[in-house]
Amino acid sequence: MKPRVLRRPSLWIFCVLATCGSFALSVGVWLIGGDDPTGDTLMVSSVGPAIGWALIRIGRSRVEVRASDVDMVDWWSRTWVPWGAYVMVSSGEGLTLTVGGDKVYSPSALGDSLIEGFLRRTGRGRVLEAAAALREGRENATPESLRDREVTEKKWEFIPADLLLFQLPLVGLLPLSGIVPV
């Protein structure tokens, strides 16, 4: 079964457009350059990929409902909750998933907002749809997935966009080495 992906499309679209804009701004600053194409230009254009990295992290937030588990992907972490560990879902102030009676997960992809609160009061909204999808996923779960009760958490998940961070120490070391004049 293909996973059902739940996210805020507006946040995802904003992050994609802003990431493309930050990279375009970096290239534009580098090409325009000015008098010193290596010093200040390098420092200013290195900010764009760092902003792009943060936007990629924010835009990847989502909840995937599968036949065997719920996969919550946040900015920094990833959590797999099998249907056997799932206890209750709430859509009061954003989506919250209670596991084992005491552990509460609130995925950032479906947090509360003013618009979402208004939509929730009218009976619509992404959070209510996500709660219904989780309840439906639990009802359609396989018996094997209901026996599994172990929640798996990754506090920091490496993604290819993390390679963008390696340019920051390099840009910081260039002026110290004398390659780029300060």
N, C-alpha and C. Protein backbone atom coordinates (compact mmCIF):
# COMPACT_ATOMS: atom_id res chain seq x y z
N MET A 1 0.83 -1.17 0.00
CA MET A 1 0.00 0.00 0.00
C MET A 1 0.88 1.25 0.00
N LYS A 2 0.55 2.18 -0.84
CA LYS A 2 1.28 3.43 -0.91
C LYS A 2 0.92 4.28 0.31
N PRO A 3 1.92 4.89 0.97
CA PRO A 3 1.59 5.68 2.16
C PRO A 3 0.80 6.93 1.81
N ARG A 4 -0.09 7.29 2.72
CA ARG A 4 -0.84 8.53 2.55
C ARG A 4 -0.05 9.64 3.25
N VAL A 5 0.36 10.64 2.50
CA VAL A 5 1.19 11.72 3.02
C VAL A 5 0.30 12.89 3.42
N LEU A 6 0.44 13.31 4.67
CA LEU A 6 -0.33 14.42 5.22
C LEU A 6 0.63 15.54 5.55
N ARG A 7 0.40 16.71 4.97
CA ARG A 7 1.22 17.90 5.23
C ARG A 7 0.43 19.12 4.88
N ARG A 8 0.97 20.26 5.20
CA ARG A 8 0.36 21.53 4.80
C ARG A 8 0.96 21.91 3.44
N PRO A 9 0.18 21.86 2.38
CA PRO A 9 0.73 22.19 1.06
C PRO A 9 1.26 23.62 0.98
N SER A 10 0.62 24.55 1.69
CA SER A 10 1.07 25.94 1.63
C SER A 10 2.48 26.08 2.21
N LEU A 11 2.76 25.40 3.32
CA LEU A 11 4.10 25.46 3.91
C LEU A 11 5.12 24.83 2.98
N TRP A 12 4.77 23.71 2.38
CA TRP A 12 5.69 23.02 1.48
C TRP A 12 5.99 23.88 0.25
N ILE A 13 4.96 24.47 -0.34
CA ILE A 13 5.16 25.33 -1.53
C ILE A 13 5.99 26.55 -1.17
N PHE A 14 5.69 27.18 -0.02
CA PHE A 14 6.48 28.33 0.41
C PHE A 14 7.95 27.96 0.58
N CYS A 15 8.22 26.82 1.21
CA CYS A 15 9.61 26.41 1.44
C CYS A 15 10.33 26.11 0.13
N VAL A 16 9.65 25.49 -0.81
CA VAL A 16 10.28 25.21 -2.11
C VAL A 16 10.61 26.51 -2.83
N LEU A 17 9.66 27.43 -2.90
CA LEU A 17 9.91 28.69 -3.59
C LEU A 17 10.97 29.53 -2.89
N ALA A 18 10.92 29.59 -1.56
CA ALA A 18 11.91 30.38 -0.82
C ALA A 18 13.31 29.76 -0.92
N THR A 19 13.40 28.43 -0.96
CA THR A 19 14.69 27.78 -1.13
C THR A 19 15.28 28.09 -2.50
N CYS A 20 14.46 27.98 -3.52
CA CYS A 20 14.94 28.34 -4.88
C CYS A 20 15.36 29.81 -4.92
N GLY A 21 14.60 30.67 -4.26
CA GLY A 21 14.95 32.09 -4.23
C GLY A 21 16.26 32.35 -3.50
N SER A 22 16.50 31.64 -2.39
CA SER A 22 17.75 31.85 -1.66
C SER A 22 18.96 31.40 -2.47
N PHE A 23 18.81 30.28 -3.20
CA PHE A 23 19.92 29.84 -4.04
C PHE A 23 20.12 30.78 -5.23
N ALA A 24 19.03 31.28 -5.80
CA ALA A 24 19.14 32.24 -6.91
C ALA A 24 19.78 33.54 -6.42
N LEU A 25 19.43 33.98 -5.22
CA LEU A 25 20.04 35.18 -4.66
C LEU A 25 21.54 34.98 -4.46
N SER A 26 21.94 33.80 -3.99
CA SER A 26 23.36 33.52 -3.80
C SER A 26 24.12 33.58 -5.12
N VAL A 27 23.54 32.97 -6.14
CA VAL A 27 24.19 32.99 -7.46
C VAL A 27 24.22 34.41 -8.00
N GLY A 28 23.14 35.16 -7.81
CA GLY A 28 23.10 36.54 -8.28
C GLY A 28 24.13 37.41 -7.59
N VAL A 29 24.27 37.26 -6.28
CA VAL A 29 25.28 38.03 -5.54
C VAL A 29 26.67 37.66 -6.03
N TRP A 30 26.90 36.39 -6.27
CA TRP A 30 28.21 35.94 -6.73
C TRP A 30 28.51 36.48 -8.13
N LEU A 31 27.54 36.50 -9.01
CA LEU A 31 27.77 36.97 -10.38
C LEU A 31 27.94 38.49 -10.45
N ILE A 32 27.16 39.21 -9.64
CA ILE A 32 27.28 40.67 -9.64
C ILE A 32 28.62 41.07 -9.03
N GLY A 33 28.93 40.48 -7.90
CA GLY A 33 30.26 40.55 -7.32
C GLY A 33 30.75 41.88 -6.82
N GLY A 34 30.86 42.86 -7.61
CA GLY A 34 31.42 44.12 -7.19
C GLY A 34 32.92 44.13 -7.41
N ASP A 35 33.64 44.97 -6.65
CA ASP A 35 35.08 45.13 -6.82
C ASP A 35 35.87 43.94 -6.29
N ASP A 36 35.41 43.34 -5.22
CA ASP A 36 36.13 42.23 -4.60
C ASP A 36 35.32 40.95 -4.76
N PRO A 37 35.49 40.22 -5.87
CA PRO A 37 34.64 39.05 -6.10
C PRO A 37 34.92 37.87 -5.18
N THR A 38 35.99 37.93 -4.39
CA THR A 38 36.26 36.78 -3.53
C THR A 38 35.96 37.03 -2.07
N GLY A 39 36.17 38.22 -1.56
CA GLY A 39 36.04 38.48 -0.13
C GLY A 39 34.61 38.59 0.35
N ASP A 40 34.06 39.80 0.27
CA ASP A 40 32.71 40.04 0.79
C ASP A 40 31.66 39.25 0.04
N THR A 41 31.85 39.10 -1.26
CA THR A 41 30.87 38.38 -2.07
C THR A 41 30.75 36.94 -1.62
N LEU A 42 31.88 36.30 -1.32
CA LEU A 42 31.86 34.92 -0.86
C LEU A 42 31.11 34.81 0.47
N MET A 43 31.37 35.75 1.36
CA MET A 43 30.70 35.72 2.66
C MET A 43 29.19 35.93 2.53
N VAL A 44 28.80 36.89 1.72
CA VAL A 44 27.37 37.18 1.56
C VAL A 44 26.66 36.04 0.83
N SER A 45 27.29 35.50 -0.20
CA SER A 45 26.63 34.44 -0.97
C SER A 45 26.58 33.12 -0.22
N SER A 46 27.35 32.98 0.85
CA SER A 46 27.28 31.74 1.64
C SER A 46 26.06 31.70 2.55
N VAL A 47 25.42 32.83 2.74
CA VAL A 47 24.22 32.87 3.59
C VAL A 47 23.04 32.20 2.89
N GLY A 48 22.94 32.33 1.58
CA GLY A 48 21.83 31.74 0.82
C GLY A 48 21.70 30.24 1.00
N PRO A 49 22.78 29.46 0.82
CA PRO A 49 22.65 28.02 1.05
C PRO A 49 22.29 27.66 2.49
N ALA A 50 22.74 28.44 3.46
CA ALA A 50 22.38 28.17 4.86
C ALA A 50 20.88 28.40 5.08
N ILE A 51 20.35 29.47 4.50
CA ILE A 51 18.91 29.72 4.60
C ILE A 51 18.15 28.62 3.85
N GLY A 52 18.66 28.23 2.69
CA GLY A 52 18.04 27.14 1.93
C GLY A 52 18.01 25.84 2.71
N TRP A 53 19.09 25.56 3.45
CA TRP A 53 19.14 24.35 4.27
C TRP A 53 18.04 24.37 5.32
N ALA A 54 17.87 25.51 6.01
CA ALA A 54 16.83 25.62 7.04
C ALA A 54 15.44 25.46 6.43
N LEU A 55 15.23 26.04 5.26
CA LEU A 55 13.92 25.93 4.60
C LEU A 55 13.64 24.50 4.15
N ILE A 56 14.66 23.80 3.69
CA ILE A 56 14.49 22.39 3.30
C ILE A 56 14.09 21.58 4.52
N ARG A 57 14.73 21.83 5.65
CA ARG A 57 14.40 21.12 6.89
C ARG A 57 12.95 21.39 7.31
N ILE A 58 12.52 22.63 7.21
CA ILE A 58 11.15 22.98 7.60
C ILE A 58 10.15 22.37 6.63
N GLY A 59 10.44 22.42 5.33
CA GLY A 59 9.52 21.93 4.32
C GLY A 59 9.35 20.43 4.27
N ARG A 60 10.25 19.68 4.88
CA ARG A 60 10.15 18.22 4.83
C ARG A 60 9.18 17.65 5.85
N SER A 61 8.61 18.47 6.71
CA SER A 61 7.69 18.01 7.76
C SER A 61 6.45 17.39 7.13
N ARG A 62 6.14 16.19 7.61
CA ARG A 62 4.96 15.48 7.09
C ARG A 62 4.63 14.31 8.01
N VAL A 63 3.44 13.76 7.82
CA VAL A 63 3.01 12.54 8.50
C VAL A 63 2.61 11.56 7.41
N GLU A 64 3.19 10.36 7.44
CA GLU A 64 2.87 9.32 6.47
C GLU A 64 2.10 8.21 7.17
N VAL A 65 0.92 7.92 6.67
CA VAL A 65 0.08 6.85 7.23
C VAL A 65 0.26 5.63 6.33
N ARG A 66 0.78 4.56 6.91
CA ARG A 66 1.00 3.31 6.17
C ARG A 66 0.15 2.20 6.76
N ALA A 67 0.17 1.05 6.10
CA ALA A 67 -0.59 -0.10 6.59
C ALA A 67 -0.01 -0.63 7.90
N SER A 68 1.30 -0.44 8.13
CA SER A 68 1.94 -1.00 9.31
C SER A 68 2.23 0.02 10.40
N ASP A 69 2.34 1.31 10.05
CA ASP A 69 2.72 2.29 11.06
C ASP A 69 2.40 3.71 10.61
N VAL A 70 2.70 4.64 11.49
CA VAL A 70 2.62 6.07 11.21
C VAL A 70 4.05 6.59 11.27
N ASP A 71 4.46 7.28 10.24
CA ASP A 71 5.81 7.84 10.16
C ASP A 71 5.69 9.36 10.26
N MET A 72 6.18 9.93 11.39
CA MET A 72 6.12 11.37 11.59
C MET A 72 7.51 11.96 11.34
N VAL A 73 7.61 12.77 10.30
CA VAL A 73 8.87 13.39 9.92
C VAL A 73 8.79 14.85 10.32
N ASP A 74 9.65 15.25 11.24
CA ASP A 74 9.73 16.64 11.67
C ASP A 74 10.99 17.28 11.11
N TRP A 75 11.24 18.51 11.53
CA TRP A 75 12.38 19.24 10.99
C TRP A 75 13.69 18.51 11.25
N TRP A 76 13.85 17.99 12.44
CA TRP A 76 15.13 17.37 12.80
C TRP A 76 15.03 15.86 12.99
N SER A 77 13.87 15.37 13.32
CA SER A 77 13.75 13.97 13.73
C SER A 77 12.72 13.22 12.90
N ARG A 78 12.69 11.91 13.15
CA ARG A 78 11.72 11.03 12.52
C ARG A 78 11.28 10.01 13.56
N THR A 79 9.98 9.75 13.61
CA THR A 79 9.43 8.81 14.59
C THR A 79 8.49 7.85 13.87
N TRP A 80 8.71 6.54 14.10
CA TRP A 80 7.83 5.50 13.57
C TRP A 80 7.00 4.97 14.72
N VAL A 81 5.68 5.05 14.57
CA VAL A 81 4.76 4.56 15.60
C VAL A 81 3.95 3.43 14.98
N PRO A 82 4.17 2.18 15.42
CA PRO A 82 3.35 1.08 14.88
C PRO A 82 1.94 1.18 15.43
N TRP A 83 1.00 0.59 14.71
CA TRP A 83 -0.40 0.69 15.10
C TRP A 83 -0.65 0.04 16.46
N GLY A 84 0.16 -0.92 16.86
CA GLY A 84 -0.02 -1.56 18.17
C GLY A 84 0.31 -0.62 19.32
N ALA A 85 1.15 0.36 19.10
CA ALA A 85 1.53 1.30 20.16
C ALA A 85 0.61 2.51 20.20
N TYR A 86 -0.12 2.73 19.15
CA TYR A 86 -1.00 3.89 19.04
C TYR A 86 -2.18 3.75 19.99
N VAL A 87 -2.46 4.78 20.75
CA VAL A 87 -3.56 4.73 21.69
C VAL A 87 -4.68 5.70 21.31
N MET A 88 -4.32 6.98 21.07
CA MET A 88 -5.36 7.97 20.84
C MET A 88 -4.82 9.10 19.97
N VAL A 89 -5.69 9.64 19.14
CA VAL A 89 -5.34 10.81 18.34
C VAL A 89 -6.28 11.94 18.73
N SER A 90 -5.72 13.15 18.81
CA SER A 90 -6.52 14.31 19.17
C SER A 90 -6.26 15.42 18.16
N SER A 91 -7.30 16.17 17.86
CA SER A 91 -7.15 17.28 16.91
C SER A 91 -7.55 18.59 17.56
N GLY A 92 -7.43 18.67 18.89
CA GLY A 92 -7.85 19.86 19.61
C GLY A 92 -7.02 21.09 19.26
N GLU A 93 -5.75 21.06 19.52
CA GLU A 93 -4.85 22.16 19.18
C GLU A 93 -3.72 21.56 18.34
N GLY A 94 -3.98 21.35 17.10
CA GLY A 94 -3.03 20.66 16.25
C GLY A 94 -3.17 19.16 16.45
N LEU A 95 -2.51 18.41 15.63
CA LEU A 95 -2.59 16.95 15.71
C LEU A 95 -1.67 16.45 16.82
N THR A 96 -2.21 15.66 17.73
CA THR A 96 -1.40 15.02 18.76
C THR A 96 -1.72 13.53 18.77
N LEU A 97 -0.68 12.74 18.90
CA LEU A 97 -0.80 11.29 18.90
C LEU A 97 -0.28 10.79 20.24
N THR A 98 -1.15 10.15 21.03
CA THR A 98 -0.75 9.62 22.33
C THR A 98 -0.37 8.16 22.15
N VAL A 99 0.81 7.81 22.65
CA VAL A 99 1.35 6.47 22.48
C VAL A 99 1.62 5.89 23.86
N GLY A 100 1.13 4.69 24.10
CA GLY A 100 1.39 4.00 25.35
C GLY A 100 0.76 4.67 26.56
N GLY A 101 -0.15 5.58 26.35
CA GLY A 101 -0.84 6.22 27.45
C GLY A 101 -0.12 7.42 28.04
N ASP A 102 1.19 7.57 27.81
CA ASP A 102 1.89 8.68 28.45
C ASP A 102 2.75 9.51 27.50
N LYS A 103 3.18 8.97 26.40
CA LYS A 103 4.04 9.69 25.46
C LYS A 103 3.17 10.38 24.41
N VAL A 104 3.34 11.69 24.25
CA VAL A 104 2.53 12.47 23.32
C VAL A 104 3.43 13.03 22.23
N TYR A 105 3.04 12.82 20.98
CA TYR A 105 3.77 13.34 19.83
C TYR A 105 2.89 14.37 19.13
N SER A 106 3.49 15.51 18.83
CA SER A 106 2.80 16.58 18.10
C SER A 106 3.63 16.90 16.87
N PRO A 107 3.32 16.29 15.73
CA PRO A 107 4.12 16.56 14.53
C PRO A 107 3.99 18.01 14.10
N SER A 108 5.12 18.62 13.78
CA SER A 108 5.12 20.04 13.39
C SER A 108 4.42 20.27 12.06
N ALA A 109 4.30 19.24 11.25
CA ALA A 109 3.64 19.40 9.95
C ALA A 109 2.17 19.76 10.10
N LEU A 110 1.56 19.34 11.19
CA LEU A 110 0.13 19.58 11.39
C LEU A 110 -0.13 20.22 12.74
N GLY A 111 0.64 21.24 13.05
CA GLY A 111 0.45 21.99 14.28
C GLY A 111 -0.72 22.94 14.16
N ASP A 112 -1.00 23.63 15.26
CA ASP A 112 -2.14 24.53 15.28
C ASP A 112 -1.76 25.89 14.71
N SER A 113 -2.73 26.56 14.13
CA SER A 113 -2.56 27.92 13.61
C SER A 113 -3.91 28.62 13.70
N LEU A 114 -3.92 29.92 13.46
CA LEU A 114 -5.18 30.67 13.50
C LEU A 114 -6.15 30.17 12.44
N ILE A 115 -5.65 29.97 11.24
CA ILE A 115 -6.52 29.50 10.15
C ILE A 115 -7.03 28.10 10.45
N GLU A 116 -6.13 27.24 10.95
CA GLU A 116 -6.53 25.86 11.25
C GLU A 116 -7.57 25.84 12.37
N GLY A 117 -7.44 26.72 13.36
CA GLY A 117 -8.43 26.81 14.43
C GLY A 117 -9.79 27.23 13.90
N PHE A 118 -9.80 28.19 12.99
CA PHE A 118 -11.07 28.62 12.37
C PHE A 118 -11.68 27.47 11.57
N LEU A 119 -10.87 26.79 10.77
CA LEU A 119 -11.38 25.67 9.97
C LEU A 119 -11.88 24.53 10.85
N ARG A 120 -11.19 24.29 11.96
CA ARG A 120 -11.61 23.22 12.88
C ARG A 120 -12.98 23.52 13.46
N ARG A 121 -13.24 24.79 13.79
CA ARG A 121 -14.55 25.16 14.35
C ARG A 121 -15.66 25.00 13.32
N THR A 122 -15.34 25.07 12.04
CA THR A 122 -16.35 24.88 11.00
C THR A 122 -16.41 23.44 10.52
N GLY A 123 -15.57 22.55 11.12
CA GLY A 123 -15.61 21.14 10.76
C GLY A 123 -14.74 20.76 9.59
N ARG A 124 -13.84 21.65 9.19
CA ARG A 124 -12.93 21.36 8.08
C ARG A 124 -11.50 21.54 8.56
N GLY A 125 -10.55 21.35 7.67
CA GLY A 125 -9.16 21.62 8.01
C GLY A 125 -8.27 20.40 7.85
N ARG A 126 -6.99 20.67 7.69
CA ARG A 126 -6.00 19.61 7.51
C ARG A 126 -5.85 18.74 8.75
N VAL A 127 -5.92 19.33 9.92
CA VAL A 127 -5.72 18.55 11.14
C VAL A 127 -6.87 17.56 11.33
N LEU A 128 -8.10 17.98 11.07
CA LEU A 128 -9.23 17.05 11.17
C LEU A 128 -9.13 15.94 10.14
N GLU A 129 -8.70 16.28 8.92
CA GLU A 129 -8.49 15.25 7.88
C GLU A 129 -7.41 14.27 8.30
N ALA A 130 -6.33 14.79 8.89
CA ALA A 130 -5.24 13.91 9.33
C ALA A 130 -5.70 12.99 10.46
N ALA A 131 -6.47 13.52 11.40
CA ALA A 131 -6.98 12.69 12.49
C ALA A 131 -7.88 11.59 11.95
N ALA A 132 -8.72 11.92 10.98
CA ALA A 132 -9.59 10.91 10.37
C ALA A 132 -8.77 9.87 9.61
N ALA A 133 -7.71 10.30 8.94
CA ALA A 133 -6.84 9.36 8.21
C ALA A 133 -6.12 8.43 9.17
N LEU A 134 -5.70 8.94 10.33
CA LEU A 134 -5.05 8.08 11.32
C LEU A 134 -6.03 7.07 11.90
N ARG A 135 -7.23 7.50 12.18
CA ARG A 135 -8.24 6.56 12.70
C ARG A 135 -8.57 5.48 11.67
N GLU A 136 -8.68 5.88 10.41
CA GLU A 136 -8.95 4.93 9.33
C GLU A 136 -7.78 3.96 9.15
N GLY A 137 -6.55 4.48 9.24
CA GLY A 137 -5.37 3.63 9.13
C GLY A 137 -5.31 2.60 10.24
N ARG A 138 -5.70 2.99 11.43
CA ARG A 138 -5.72 2.06 12.56
C ARG A 138 -6.77 0.96 12.34
N GLU A 139 -7.92 1.34 11.80
CA GLU A 139 -8.97 0.35 11.55
C GLU A 139 -8.55 -0.65 10.48
N ASN A 140 -7.78 -0.21 9.50
CA ASN A 140 -7.36 -1.08 8.40
C ASN A 140 -6.00 -1.72 8.63
N ALA A 141 -5.47 -1.63 9.84
CA ALA A 141 -4.15 -2.17 10.13
C ALA A 141 -4.15 -3.69 10.08
N THR A 142 -3.01 -4.24 9.70
CA THR A 142 -2.85 -5.69 9.65
C THR A 142 -2.65 -6.23 11.06
N PRO A 143 -2.98 -7.49 11.31
CA PRO A 143 -2.78 -8.06 12.65
C PRO A 143 -1.32 -8.05 13.10
N GLU A 144 -0.38 -8.19 12.16
CA GLU A 144 1.05 -8.16 12.52
C GLU A 144 1.45 -6.79 13.06
N SER A 145 0.92 -5.73 12.42
CA SER A 145 1.28 -4.39 12.87
C SER A 145 0.63 -4.04 14.20
N LEU A 146 -0.47 -4.69 14.54
CA LEU A 146 -1.11 -4.43 15.83
C LEU A 146 -0.35 -5.08 16.98
N ARG A 147 0.45 -6.13 16.70
CA ARG A 147 1.25 -6.78 17.73
C ARG A 147 2.50 -5.97 18.08
N ASP A 148 3.02 -5.23 17.11
CA ASP A 148 4.24 -4.45 17.33
C ASP A 148 3.91 -3.22 18.16
N ARG A 149 4.66 -3.03 19.26
CA ARG A 149 4.39 -1.91 20.15
C ARG A 149 5.62 -1.02 20.36
N GLU A 150 6.68 -1.26 19.64
CA GLU A 150 7.93 -0.51 19.86
C GLU A 150 8.01 0.70 18.95
N VAL A 151 8.07 1.87 19.56
CA VAL A 151 8.20 3.13 18.84
C VAL A 151 9.68 3.38 18.57
N THR A 152 10.01 3.73 17.34
CA THR A 152 11.39 4.00 16.96
C THR A 152 11.55 5.48 16.69
N GLU A 153 12.54 6.08 17.36
CA GLU A 153 12.79 7.51 17.20
C GLU A 153 14.22 7.75 16.74
N LYS A 154 14.38 8.66 15.81
CA LYS A 154 15.69 9.16 15.42
C LYS A 154 15.70 10.64 15.77
N LYS A 155 16.58 11.04 16.67
CA LYS A 155 16.62 12.44 17.11
C LYS A 155 17.14 13.36 16.01
N TRP A 156 18.11 12.89 15.25
CA TRP A 156 18.64 13.67 14.14
C TRP A 156 18.74 12.73 12.96
N GLU A 157 18.04 13.07 11.90
CA GLU A 157 18.09 12.24 10.70
C GLU A 157 18.90 12.99 9.64
N PHE A 158 19.96 12.35 9.18
CA PHE A 158 20.79 12.97 8.13
C PHE A 158 20.02 12.94 6.82
N ILE A 159 19.96 14.09 6.17
CA ILE A 159 19.37 14.19 4.84
C ILE A 159 20.42 14.81 3.93
N PRO A 160 20.33 14.61 2.62
CA PRO A 160 21.34 15.16 1.72
C PRO A 160 21.51 16.68 1.84
N ALA A 161 20.48 17.39 2.23
CA ALA A 161 20.59 18.84 2.38
C ALA A 161 21.57 19.22 3.49
N ASP A 162 21.85 18.31 4.42
CA ASP A 162 22.81 18.61 5.48
C ASP A 162 24.21 18.85 4.94
N LEU A 163 24.48 18.38 3.74
CA LEU A 163 25.78 18.64 3.13
C LEU A 163 26.00 20.13 2.87
N LEU A 164 24.92 20.90 2.80
CA LEU A 164 25.05 22.35 2.62
C LEU A 164 25.74 23.00 3.80
N LEU A 165 25.68 22.39 4.97
CA LEU A 165 26.31 22.96 6.15
C LEU A 165 27.83 22.91 6.10
N PHE A 166 28.38 22.02 5.29
CA PHE A 166 29.83 21.91 5.22
C PHE A 166 30.48 23.14 4.59
N GLN A 167 29.71 23.95 3.88
CA GLN A 167 30.28 25.15 3.28
C GLN A 167 30.50 26.24 4.33
N LEU A 168 29.80 26.20 5.45
CA LEU A 168 29.94 27.26 6.45
C LEU A 168 31.31 27.26 7.13
N PRO A 169 31.83 26.12 7.62
CA PRO A 169 33.18 26.17 8.18
C PRO A 169 34.23 26.52 7.14
N LEU A 170 34.02 26.07 5.91
CA LEU A 170 34.97 26.38 4.84
C LEU A 170 35.01 27.88 4.59
N VAL A 171 33.86 28.51 4.51
CA VAL A 171 33.79 29.95 4.29
C VAL A 171 34.38 30.69 5.49
N GLY A 172 34.21 30.16 6.68
CA GLY A 172 34.79 30.78 7.86
C GLY A 172 36.29 30.66 7.93
N LEU A 173 36.83 29.56 7.40
CA LEU A 173 38.28 29.35 7.43
C LEU A 173 39.04 30.09 6.33
N LEU A 174 38.37 30.42 5.23
CA LEU A 174 39.06 31.10 4.13
C LEU A 174 39.69 32.43 4.54
N PRO A 175 39.00 33.30 5.28
CA PRO A 175 39.67 34.53 5.70
C PRO A 175 40.81 34.28 6.70
N LEU A 176 40.66 33.26 7.55
CA LEU A 176 41.71 32.96 8.52
C LEU A 176 42.96 32.45 7.85
N SER A 177 42.80 31.74 6.74
CA SER A 177 43.96 31.18 6.03
C SER A 177 44.66 32.21 5.15
N GLY A 178 44.01 33.33 4.90
CA GLY A 178 44.62 34.36 4.05
C GLY A 178 44.28 34.21 2.58
N ILE A 179 43.54 33.17 2.21
CA ILE A 179 43.16 32.97 0.82
C ILE A 179 42.22 34.08 0.38
N VAL A 180 41.29 34.42 1.27
CA VAL A 180 40.33 35.48 0.99
C VAL A 180 40.71 36.66 1.89
N PRO A 181 41.00 37.82 1.30
CA PRO A 181 41.36 38.97 2.14
C PRO A 181 40.15 39.49 2.91
N VAL A 182 40.41 39.95 4.11
CA VAL A 182 39.34 40.46 4.96
C VAL A 182 39.24 41.95 4.82
